[in-house]
N, C-alpha and C. Protein backbone atom coordinates (compact mmCIF):
# COMPACT_ATOMS: atom_id res chain seq x y z
N UNK A 1 84.56 120.83 128.72
CA UNK A 1 85.37 121.43 127.69
C UNK A 1 85.88 120.34 126.74
N UNK A 2 85.80 120.58 125.45
CA UNK A 2 86.25 119.61 124.46
C UNK A 2 87.76 119.64 124.33
N UNK A 3 88.30 118.46 124.12
CA UNK A 3 89.75 118.36 123.91
C UNK A 3 90.10 118.92 122.54
N UNK A 4 91.22 119.61 122.46
CA UNK A 4 91.67 120.16 121.18
C UNK A 4 92.85 119.37 120.62
N UNK A 5 93.03 118.16 121.15
CA UNK A 5 94.13 117.33 120.65
C UNK A 5 93.85 116.93 119.21
N UNK A 6 94.85 117.06 118.39
CA UNK A 6 94.74 116.70 116.97
C UNK A 6 94.82 115.19 116.82
N UNK A 7 93.93 114.64 116.04
CA UNK A 7 93.99 113.21 115.74
C UNK A 7 95.18 112.94 114.84
N UNK A 8 95.86 111.82 115.08
CA UNK A 8 96.96 111.41 114.21
C UNK A 8 96.36 110.73 112.97
N UNK A 9 96.64 111.32 111.81
CA UNK A 9 96.08 110.84 110.55
C UNK A 9 97.10 109.96 109.84
N UNK A 10 96.63 108.80 109.41
CA UNK A 10 97.45 107.91 108.59
C UNK A 10 96.95 107.92 107.16
N UNK A 11 97.86 107.72 106.23
CA UNK A 11 97.51 107.61 104.82
C UNK A 11 98.01 106.26 104.33
N UNK A 12 97.08 105.39 103.93
CA UNK A 12 97.41 104.05 103.45
C UNK A 12 97.19 104.02 101.94
N UNK A 13 98.29 103.96 101.20
CA UNK A 13 98.24 103.97 99.73
C UNK A 13 98.39 102.55 99.21
N UNK A 14 97.37 102.07 98.52
CA UNK A 14 97.33 100.68 98.10
C UNK A 14 98.05 100.39 96.80
N UNK A 15 98.13 99.09 96.53
CA UNK A 15 98.72 98.61 95.28
C UNK A 15 97.77 98.93 94.13
N UNK A 16 98.27 98.78 92.91
CA UNK A 16 97.39 99.08 91.79
C UNK A 16 98.08 99.24 90.45
N UNK A 17 99.37 98.89 90.38
CA UNK A 17 100.12 99.00 89.12
C UNK A 17 100.00 100.43 88.57
N UNK A 18 99.74 100.58 87.28
CA UNK A 18 99.71 101.91 86.67
C UNK A 18 98.61 102.79 87.24
N UNK A 19 97.57 102.18 87.82
CA UNK A 19 96.53 102.98 88.47
C UNK A 19 97.12 103.77 89.64
N UNK A 20 98.23 103.33 90.15
CA UNK A 20 98.84 103.94 91.33
C UNK A 20 99.25 105.38 91.16
N UNK A 21 99.40 105.82 89.92
CA UNK A 21 99.74 107.23 89.73
C UNK A 21 98.60 108.11 90.23
N UNK A 22 97.40 107.55 90.38
CA UNK A 22 96.27 108.30 90.94
C UNK A 22 96.54 108.74 92.37
N UNK A 23 97.43 108.04 93.07
CA UNK A 23 97.79 108.44 94.43
C UNK A 23 98.34 109.87 94.46
N UNK A 24 99.03 110.26 93.40
CA UNK A 24 99.58 111.62 93.35
C UNK A 24 98.44 112.64 93.45
N UNK A 25 97.39 112.43 92.69
CA UNK A 25 96.24 113.33 92.73
C UNK A 25 95.54 113.32 94.08
N UNK A 26 95.45 112.16 94.71
CA UNK A 26 94.85 112.08 96.05
C UNK A 26 95.64 112.93 97.03
N UNK A 27 96.96 112.78 97.00
CA UNK A 27 97.82 113.54 97.92
C UNK A 27 97.72 115.04 97.64
N UNK A 28 97.72 115.41 96.37
CA UNK A 28 97.60 116.83 96.03
C UNK A 28 96.27 117.41 96.51
N UNK A 29 95.21 116.62 96.43
CA UNK A 29 93.90 117.06 96.92
C UNK A 29 93.92 117.23 98.43
N UNK A 30 94.55 116.29 99.14
CA UNK A 30 94.68 116.43 100.59
C UNK A 30 95.46 117.70 100.93
N UNK A 31 96.55 117.94 100.21
CA UNK A 31 97.37 119.13 100.47
C UNK A 31 96.59 120.41 100.23
N UNK A 32 95.81 120.45 99.15
CA UNK A 32 95.00 121.65 98.86
C UNK A 32 93.97 121.91 99.96
N UNK A 33 93.59 120.87 100.66
CA UNK A 33 92.60 120.99 101.74
C UNK A 33 93.25 121.00 103.12
N UNK A 34 94.55 121.29 103.15
CA UNK A 34 95.31 121.39 104.40
C UNK A 34 95.22 120.14 105.27
N UNK A 35 95.19 118.99 104.63
CA UNK A 35 95.21 117.72 105.36
C UNK A 35 96.59 117.12 105.16
N UNK A 36 97.33 117.02 106.24
CA UNK A 36 98.70 116.52 106.18
C UNK A 36 98.81 115.26 107.04
N UNK A 37 98.89 114.10 106.41
CA UNK A 37 98.98 112.86 107.18
C UNK A 37 100.24 112.85 108.06
N UNK A 38 100.08 112.32 109.26
CA UNK A 38 101.20 112.19 110.19
C UNK A 38 102.01 110.93 109.91
N UNK A 39 101.37 109.94 109.31
CA UNK A 39 101.96 108.62 109.05
C UNK A 39 101.58 108.24 107.62
N UNK A 40 102.53 107.71 106.86
CA UNK A 40 102.25 107.28 105.49
C UNK A 40 102.78 105.86 105.30
N UNK A 41 101.91 104.98 104.83
CA UNK A 41 102.30 103.60 104.54
C UNK A 41 101.83 103.26 103.13
N UNK A 42 102.60 102.43 102.45
CA UNK A 42 102.24 102.08 101.09
C UNK A 42 102.57 100.66 100.74
N UNK A 43 101.82 100.16 99.79
CA UNK A 43 102.05 98.83 99.23
C UNK A 43 102.25 98.98 97.74
N UNK A 44 103.33 98.38 97.22
CA UNK A 44 103.62 98.37 95.79
C UNK A 44 103.74 99.82 95.27
N UNK A 45 102.96 100.18 94.26
CA UNK A 45 103.04 101.54 93.72
C UNK A 45 102.70 102.57 94.79
N UNK A 46 101.86 102.20 95.75
CA UNK A 46 101.55 103.08 96.87
C UNK A 46 102.77 103.38 97.72
N UNK A 47 103.67 102.40 97.84
CA UNK A 47 104.92 102.61 98.58
C UNK A 47 105.81 103.61 97.84
N UNK A 48 105.86 103.48 96.52
CA UNK A 48 106.67 104.40 95.72
C UNK A 48 106.16 105.84 95.84
N UNK A 49 104.87 106.03 95.65
CA UNK A 49 104.31 107.39 95.72
C UNK A 49 104.39 107.92 97.15
N UNK A 50 104.09 107.08 98.14
CA UNK A 50 104.14 107.51 99.53
C UNK A 50 105.54 107.90 99.96
N UNK A 51 106.53 107.11 99.57
CA UNK A 51 107.92 107.43 99.93
C UNK A 51 108.34 108.75 99.29
N UNK A 52 107.93 108.96 98.06
CA UNK A 52 108.26 110.20 97.36
C UNK A 52 107.62 111.40 98.06
N UNK A 53 106.39 111.22 98.51
CA UNK A 53 105.71 112.30 99.23
C UNK A 53 106.44 112.63 100.53
N UNK A 54 106.74 111.60 101.32
CA UNK A 54 107.37 111.82 102.62
C UNK A 54 108.77 112.42 102.45
N UNK A 55 109.44 112.10 101.36
CA UNK A 55 110.77 112.65 101.08
C UNK A 55 110.70 114.07 100.51
N UNK A 56 109.49 114.58 100.28
CA UNK A 56 109.34 115.94 99.76
C UNK A 56 109.58 116.06 98.27
N UNK A 57 109.45 114.95 97.54
CA UNK A 57 109.76 114.93 96.11
C UNK A 57 108.54 114.64 95.23
N UNK A 58 107.33 114.81 95.78
CA UNK A 58 106.13 114.46 95.03
C UNK A 58 105.98 115.28 93.75
N UNK A 59 106.29 116.56 93.79
CA UNK A 59 106.18 117.39 92.59
C UNK A 59 107.10 116.89 91.48
N UNK A 60 108.30 116.48 91.85
CA UNK A 60 109.23 115.93 90.85
C UNK A 60 108.68 114.66 90.23
N UNK A 61 108.14 113.78 91.08
CA UNK A 61 107.56 112.54 90.57
C UNK A 61 106.39 112.85 89.64
N UNK A 62 105.54 113.78 90.03
CA UNK A 62 104.39 114.16 89.22
C UNK A 62 104.84 114.66 87.85
N UNK A 63 105.85 115.53 87.82
CA UNK A 63 106.36 116.04 86.53
C UNK A 63 106.88 114.89 85.67
N UNK A 64 107.61 113.95 86.27
CA UNK A 64 108.15 112.83 85.52
C UNK A 64 107.04 111.94 84.97
N UNK A 65 106.05 111.63 85.81
CA UNK A 65 104.95 110.76 85.38
C UNK A 65 104.21 111.37 84.19
N UNK A 66 104.04 112.68 84.21
CA UNK A 66 103.32 113.35 83.13
C UNK A 66 104.07 113.31 81.80
N UNK A 67 105.37 113.01 81.83
CA UNK A 67 106.14 112.91 80.58
C UNK A 67 106.18 111.49 80.03
N UNK A 68 105.64 110.53 80.77
CA UNK A 68 105.76 109.13 80.35
C UNK A 68 104.94 108.83 79.11
N UNK A 69 105.53 108.07 78.22
CA UNK A 69 104.84 107.50 77.07
C UNK A 69 105.12 106.00 77.12
N UNK A 70 104.40 105.23 76.32
CA UNK A 70 104.66 103.78 76.30
C UNK A 70 106.11 103.49 75.93
N UNK A 71 106.66 104.26 75.00
CA UNK A 71 108.04 104.05 74.59
C UNK A 71 109.00 104.28 75.75
N UNK A 72 108.77 105.34 76.52
CA UNK A 72 109.63 105.61 77.67
C UNK A 72 109.51 104.52 78.72
N UNK A 73 108.28 104.07 78.98
CA UNK A 73 108.06 103.02 79.98
C UNK A 73 108.83 101.77 79.58
N UNK A 74 108.71 101.36 78.34
CA UNK A 74 109.40 100.15 77.88
C UNK A 74 110.91 100.33 77.98
N UNK A 75 111.40 101.53 77.74
CA UNK A 75 112.83 101.80 77.84
C UNK A 75 113.40 101.61 79.24
N UNK A 76 112.55 101.70 80.27
CA UNK A 76 113.01 101.50 81.64
C UNK A 76 113.09 100.03 82.03
N UNK A 77 112.58 99.14 81.19
CA UNK A 77 112.57 97.72 81.53
C UNK A 77 113.83 97.05 81.01
N UNK A 78 114.53 96.38 81.90
CA UNK A 78 115.72 95.62 81.53
C UNK A 78 115.38 94.14 81.66
N UNK A 79 115.20 93.51 80.51
CA UNK A 79 114.73 92.13 80.49
C UNK A 79 115.78 91.17 81.02
N UNK A 80 115.29 90.15 81.72
CA UNK A 80 116.11 89.08 82.26
C UNK A 80 115.25 87.84 82.32
N UNK A 81 115.85 86.70 82.39
CA UNK A 81 115.08 85.47 82.55
C UNK A 81 115.36 84.83 83.91
N UNK A 82 116.10 85.50 84.76
CA UNK A 82 116.47 84.94 86.06
C UNK A 82 115.64 85.56 87.16
N UNK A 83 114.63 84.85 87.65
CA UNK A 83 113.86 85.29 88.80
C UNK A 83 112.73 86.25 88.50
N UNK A 84 112.64 86.74 87.30
CA UNK A 84 111.58 87.67 86.92
C UNK A 84 111.87 88.18 85.53
N UNK A 85 110.88 88.68 84.87
CA UNK A 85 111.04 89.17 83.51
C UNK A 85 111.89 90.44 83.47
N UNK A 86 111.76 91.27 84.51
CA UNK A 86 112.43 92.57 84.53
C UNK A 86 113.25 92.70 85.81
N UNK A 87 114.51 93.10 85.66
CA UNK A 87 115.35 93.32 86.84
C UNK A 87 114.91 94.55 87.62
N UNK A 88 114.51 95.58 86.91
CA UNK A 88 114.11 96.82 87.58
C UNK A 88 115.26 97.77 87.81
N UNK A 89 116.48 97.38 87.39
CA UNK A 89 117.64 98.23 87.67
C UNK A 89 117.59 99.55 86.90
N UNK A 90 117.16 99.52 85.63
CA UNK A 90 117.08 100.77 84.86
C UNK A 90 116.11 101.75 85.49
N UNK A 91 114.97 101.24 85.93
CA UNK A 91 113.97 102.10 86.56
C UNK A 91 114.52 102.70 87.84
N UNK A 92 115.18 101.88 88.65
CA UNK A 92 115.69 102.40 89.91
C UNK A 92 116.96 103.22 89.73
N UNK A 93 117.70 103.00 88.65
CA UNK A 93 118.80 103.91 88.33
C UNK A 93 118.25 105.31 88.06
N UNK A 94 117.11 105.37 87.36
CA UNK A 94 116.46 106.66 87.12
C UNK A 94 116.12 107.33 88.45
N UNK A 95 115.50 106.57 89.36
CA UNK A 95 115.12 107.16 90.65
C UNK A 95 116.35 107.61 91.44
N UNK A 96 117.43 106.84 91.37
CA UNK A 96 118.65 107.24 92.06
C UNK A 96 119.21 108.54 91.48
N UNK A 97 119.07 108.73 90.17
CA UNK A 97 119.56 109.96 89.53
C UNK A 97 118.72 111.18 89.88
N UNK A 98 117.42 110.98 90.06
CA UNK A 98 116.51 112.11 90.20
C UNK A 98 115.96 112.33 91.61
N UNK A 99 116.08 111.34 92.46
CA UNK A 99 115.57 111.46 93.82
C UNK A 99 116.64 111.03 94.81
N UNK A 100 116.64 111.65 95.95
CA UNK A 100 117.64 111.34 96.98
C UNK A 100 117.20 110.11 97.78
N UNK A 101 118.08 109.10 97.88
CA UNK A 101 117.79 107.94 98.73
C UNK A 101 118.19 108.28 100.15
N UNK A 102 117.28 108.05 101.06
CA UNK A 102 117.55 108.28 102.48
C UNK A 102 117.12 107.04 103.24
N UNK A 103 117.48 106.98 104.49
CA UNK A 103 116.98 105.90 105.33
C UNK A 103 115.58 106.27 105.80
N UNK A 104 114.74 105.27 105.89
CA UNK A 104 113.35 105.49 106.31
C UNK A 104 113.29 106.23 107.64
N UNK A 105 114.17 105.85 108.56
CA UNK A 105 114.14 106.45 109.89
C UNK A 105 114.56 107.92 109.89
N UNK A 106 115.11 108.43 108.77
CA UNK A 106 115.51 109.84 108.66
C UNK A 106 114.42 110.72 108.03
N UNK A 107 113.33 110.11 107.59
CA UNK A 107 112.26 110.88 106.94
C UNK A 107 111.53 111.76 107.95
N UNK A 108 110.82 112.76 107.43
CA UNK A 108 110.15 113.76 108.27
C UNK A 108 109.00 113.20 109.09
N UNK A 109 108.45 112.09 108.66
CA UNK A 109 107.33 111.48 109.39
C UNK A 109 107.41 109.97 109.22
N UNK A 110 106.73 109.21 110.06
CA UNK A 110 106.78 107.76 109.95
C UNK A 110 106.31 107.28 108.58
N UNK A 111 107.08 106.35 108.01
CA UNK A 111 106.76 105.75 106.72
C UNK A 111 107.03 104.25 106.81
N UNK A 112 106.21 103.49 106.12
CA UNK A 112 106.45 102.06 106.04
C UNK A 112 105.97 101.51 104.71
N UNK A 113 106.62 100.46 104.26
CA UNK A 113 106.24 99.78 103.03
C UNK A 113 105.98 98.31 103.35
N UNK A 114 105.07 97.71 102.61
CA UNK A 114 104.72 96.31 102.80
C UNK A 114 105.36 95.49 101.68
N UNK A 115 105.97 94.37 102.07
CA UNK A 115 106.50 93.40 101.11
C UNK A 115 106.03 92.01 101.55
N UNK A 116 106.27 91.03 100.71
CA UNK A 116 105.91 89.65 101.00
C UNK A 116 107.16 88.79 100.96
N UNK A 117 107.35 87.96 101.98
CA UNK A 117 108.45 86.99 101.98
C UNK A 117 108.09 85.90 100.98
N UNK A 118 108.89 85.75 99.94
CA UNK A 118 108.59 84.83 98.85
C UNK A 118 108.52 83.38 99.33
N UNK A 119 109.38 82.99 100.27
CA UNK A 119 109.42 81.60 100.72
C UNK A 119 108.24 81.24 101.62
N UNK A 120 107.90 82.13 102.55
CA UNK A 120 106.88 81.80 103.55
C UNK A 120 105.51 82.40 103.26
N UNK A 121 105.47 83.44 102.42
CA UNK A 121 104.23 84.15 102.18
C UNK A 121 103.87 85.13 103.29
N UNK A 122 104.79 85.32 104.25
CA UNK A 122 104.55 86.24 105.36
C UNK A 122 104.59 87.69 104.90
N UNK A 123 103.81 88.51 105.59
CA UNK A 123 103.83 89.95 105.38
C UNK A 123 105.05 90.52 106.10
N UNK A 124 105.82 91.35 105.40
CA UNK A 124 107.02 91.97 105.97
C UNK A 124 106.81 93.48 105.98
N UNK A 125 107.01 94.08 107.14
CA UNK A 125 106.92 95.53 107.27
C UNK A 125 108.31 96.12 107.17
N UNK A 126 108.52 96.98 106.21
CA UNK A 126 109.82 97.62 106.00
C UNK A 126 109.76 99.02 106.61
N UNK A 127 110.47 99.17 107.74
CA UNK A 127 110.40 100.39 108.53
C UNK A 127 111.75 101.04 108.76
N UNK A 128 112.80 100.45 108.21
CA UNK A 128 114.12 101.05 108.38
C UNK A 128 114.98 100.72 107.17
N UNK A 129 116.12 101.38 107.11
CA UNK A 129 117.03 101.16 105.99
C UNK A 129 116.65 102.02 104.80
N UNK A 130 117.23 101.69 103.67
CA UNK A 130 117.07 102.45 102.43
C UNK A 130 115.61 102.54 101.98
N UNK A 131 115.18 103.76 101.69
CA UNK A 131 113.84 103.96 101.14
C UNK A 131 113.73 103.23 99.80
N UNK A 132 114.75 103.38 98.95
CA UNK A 132 114.71 102.74 97.63
C UNK A 132 114.61 101.23 97.74
N UNK A 133 115.37 100.64 98.65
CA UNK A 133 115.32 99.18 98.81
C UNK A 133 113.93 98.74 99.27
N UNK A 134 113.34 99.47 100.20
CA UNK A 134 112.00 99.13 100.68
C UNK A 134 110.97 99.23 99.55
N UNK A 135 111.05 100.31 98.78
CA UNK A 135 110.11 100.49 97.67
C UNK A 135 110.35 99.42 96.62
N UNK A 136 111.60 99.16 96.30
CA UNK A 136 111.93 98.14 95.29
C UNK A 136 111.36 96.79 95.69
N UNK A 137 111.46 96.43 96.97
CA UNK A 137 110.89 95.16 97.44
C UNK A 137 109.37 95.19 97.33
N UNK A 138 108.76 96.29 97.72
CA UNK A 138 107.31 96.37 97.76
C UNK A 138 106.66 96.31 96.38
N UNK A 139 107.37 96.73 95.33
CA UNK A 139 106.79 96.72 93.98
C UNK A 139 107.20 95.51 93.15
N UNK A 140 107.94 94.58 93.72
CA UNK A 140 108.49 93.46 92.95
C UNK A 140 107.46 92.37 92.70
N UNK A 141 106.58 92.62 91.76
CA UNK A 141 105.54 91.66 91.42
C UNK A 141 106.19 90.37 90.91
N UNK A 142 105.92 89.22 91.56
CA UNK A 142 106.57 87.97 91.17
C UNK A 142 106.33 87.64 89.69
N UNK A 143 107.39 87.21 89.04
CA UNK A 143 107.32 86.88 87.63
C UNK A 143 107.57 88.06 86.73
N UNK A 144 107.33 89.27 87.24
CA UNK A 144 107.59 90.47 86.45
C UNK A 144 108.91 91.10 86.87
N UNK A 145 109.06 91.42 88.16
CA UNK A 145 110.31 91.98 88.68
C UNK A 145 111.04 90.92 89.50
N UNK A 146 112.35 90.97 89.46
CA UNK A 146 113.14 90.05 90.28
C UNK A 146 112.94 90.40 91.76
N UNK A 147 112.95 89.39 92.64
CA UNK A 147 112.81 89.65 94.08
C UNK A 147 113.99 90.45 94.62
N UNK A 148 113.80 91.05 95.78
CA UNK A 148 114.84 91.80 96.47
C UNK A 148 115.29 90.98 97.67
N UNK A 149 116.61 90.81 97.82
CA UNK A 149 117.12 90.10 98.98
C UNK A 149 117.37 91.09 100.11
N UNK A 150 116.82 90.78 101.27
CA UNK A 150 117.01 91.62 102.45
C UNK A 150 117.06 90.72 103.68
N UNK A 151 118.14 90.82 104.42
CA UNK A 151 118.34 90.01 105.63
C UNK A 151 118.15 88.52 105.36
N UNK A 152 118.60 88.06 104.21
CA UNK A 152 118.51 86.65 103.87
C UNK A 152 117.17 86.20 103.31
N UNK A 153 116.20 87.11 103.25
CA UNK A 153 114.88 86.78 102.71
C UNK A 153 114.75 87.34 101.30
N UNK A 154 113.99 86.65 100.46
CA UNK A 154 113.65 87.17 99.15
C UNK A 154 112.27 87.82 99.26
N UNK A 155 112.21 89.11 98.96
CA UNK A 155 110.98 89.87 99.12
C UNK A 155 110.37 90.24 97.78
N UNK A 156 109.04 90.16 97.73
CA UNK A 156 108.29 90.51 96.52
C UNK A 156 107.14 91.43 96.90
N UNK A 157 106.32 91.75 95.93
CA UNK A 157 105.24 92.72 96.05
C UNK A 157 104.36 92.51 97.28
N UNK A 158 104.18 93.58 98.04
CA UNK A 158 103.37 93.52 99.25
C UNK A 158 101.88 93.39 98.98
N UNK A 159 101.46 93.70 97.76
CA UNK A 159 100.04 93.60 97.42
C UNK A 159 99.51 92.18 97.50
N UNK A 160 100.39 91.20 97.53
CA UNK A 160 99.96 89.81 97.64
C UNK A 160 99.37 89.51 99.01
N UNK A 161 99.82 90.22 100.04
CA UNK A 161 99.38 89.93 101.41
C UNK A 161 98.62 91.08 102.07
N UNK A 162 98.87 92.30 101.67
CA UNK A 162 98.21 93.46 102.30
C UNK A 162 98.11 94.59 101.28
N UNK A 163 97.10 94.53 100.41
CA UNK A 163 97.03 95.51 99.32
C UNK A 163 96.81 96.95 99.75
N UNK A 164 96.22 97.18 100.91
CA UNK A 164 96.02 98.54 101.42
C UNK A 164 96.44 98.53 102.89
N UNK A 165 97.59 99.10 103.22
CA UNK A 165 98.21 98.90 104.54
C UNK A 165 97.61 99.71 105.71
N UNK A 166 96.31 99.59 105.89
CA UNK A 166 95.64 100.26 107.00
C UNK A 166 96.20 99.75 108.33
N UNK A 167 96.42 98.43 108.43
CA UNK A 167 96.91 97.84 109.68
C UNK A 167 98.26 98.42 110.09
N UNK A 168 99.11 98.68 109.14
CA UNK A 168 100.42 99.25 109.44
C UNK A 168 100.27 100.70 109.94
N UNK A 169 99.41 101.47 109.29
CA UNK A 169 99.16 102.85 109.74
C UNK A 169 98.67 102.85 111.19
N UNK A 170 97.74 101.96 111.49
CA UNK A 170 97.21 101.89 112.86
C UNK A 170 98.31 101.49 113.85
N UNK A 171 99.13 100.51 113.48
CA UNK A 171 100.20 100.06 114.37
C UNK A 171 101.22 101.16 114.62
N UNK A 172 101.39 102.07 113.66
CA UNK A 172 102.33 103.18 113.83
C UNK A 172 101.72 104.38 114.54
N UNK A 173 100.46 104.24 114.97
CA UNK A 173 99.86 105.27 115.80
C UNK A 173 98.75 106.10 115.18
N UNK A 174 98.33 105.77 113.97
CA UNK A 174 97.24 106.54 113.34
C UNK A 174 95.92 106.25 114.05
N UNK A 175 95.20 107.31 114.35
CA UNK A 175 93.87 107.18 114.95
C UNK A 175 92.78 107.18 113.88
N UNK A 176 93.07 107.85 112.79
CA UNK A 176 92.18 107.90 111.62
C UNK A 176 93.05 107.55 110.42
N UNK A 177 92.53 106.69 109.54
CA UNK A 177 93.31 106.30 108.36
C UNK A 177 92.51 106.63 107.10
N UNK A 178 93.15 107.36 106.21
CA UNK A 178 92.61 107.60 104.87
C UNK A 178 93.19 106.50 104.00
N UNK A 179 92.33 105.58 103.56
CA UNK A 179 92.78 104.42 102.79
C UNK A 179 92.41 104.60 101.33
N UNK A 180 93.38 104.39 100.44
CA UNK A 180 93.16 104.54 99.01
C UNK A 180 93.32 103.17 98.37
N UNK A 181 92.17 102.58 98.00
CA UNK A 181 92.12 101.24 97.40
C UNK A 181 91.81 101.41 95.92
N UNK A 182 92.78 101.11 95.08
CA UNK A 182 92.63 101.29 93.64
C UNK A 182 92.12 100.04 92.94
N UNK A 183 91.92 98.96 93.69
CA UNK A 183 91.55 97.69 93.07
C UNK A 183 90.18 97.17 93.47
N UNK A 184 89.41 97.92 94.22
CA UNK A 184 88.12 97.44 94.71
C UNK A 184 87.21 97.01 93.56
N UNK A 185 87.17 97.78 92.48
CA UNK A 185 86.29 97.42 91.36
C UNK A 185 86.77 96.16 90.66
N UNK A 186 88.08 95.95 90.60
CA UNK A 186 88.62 94.74 89.99
C UNK A 186 88.26 93.51 90.81
N UNK A 187 88.41 93.61 92.12
CA UNK A 187 88.11 92.48 93.00
C UNK A 187 86.63 92.15 92.98
N UNK A 188 85.77 93.16 92.97
CA UNK A 188 84.33 92.88 92.95
C UNK A 188 83.93 92.23 91.63
N UNK A 189 84.57 92.61 90.53
CA UNK A 189 84.27 91.99 89.24
C UNK A 189 84.69 90.53 89.21
N UNK A 190 85.80 90.21 89.87
CA UNK A 190 86.28 88.82 89.92
C UNK A 190 85.34 87.95 90.74
N UNK A 191 84.79 88.50 91.80
CA UNK A 191 83.96 87.72 92.72
C UNK A 191 82.48 87.69 92.35
N UNK A 192 82.11 88.23 91.22
CA UNK A 192 80.70 88.19 90.79
C UNK A 192 80.35 86.85 90.25
């Protein structure tokens, strides 16, 4: 007799800057096909979209993204010369106004974000505390966004060390991982 145990599905959403909004369409396609990941991990923009999905706010994010114009995007940037070109506070003020910040451990399913320790270059797994803080650290591209201080470490974009967090999904118990890599064509073009 065959086992009817359901495989634990992980969703690994990779880095990709503005390409990352494509993650919304991937998730919507999974939902239309009744595929519901048990574990969601993200790097950089993948962390933002993944956290929004796990918090049940993906439709709100989708509506907001569809209203974006270059003028609106530029309006969210607060220029600084200390530690990065953009503080990111205006952008995250918007998220605080429109989305509920919760602790990662309170979410409906396991979620994790990848960041990089600026001093050591180590990969940091963000699995507890504020969702916004984890996402803010994971998207902090050095030189563009200011780093995030957490537990005495300065954290920056996780895409520097783990652009598609399949390893984190597996460590959290995923038996099958749906990995979304938005940069494969860019990397292959660089290595030609």
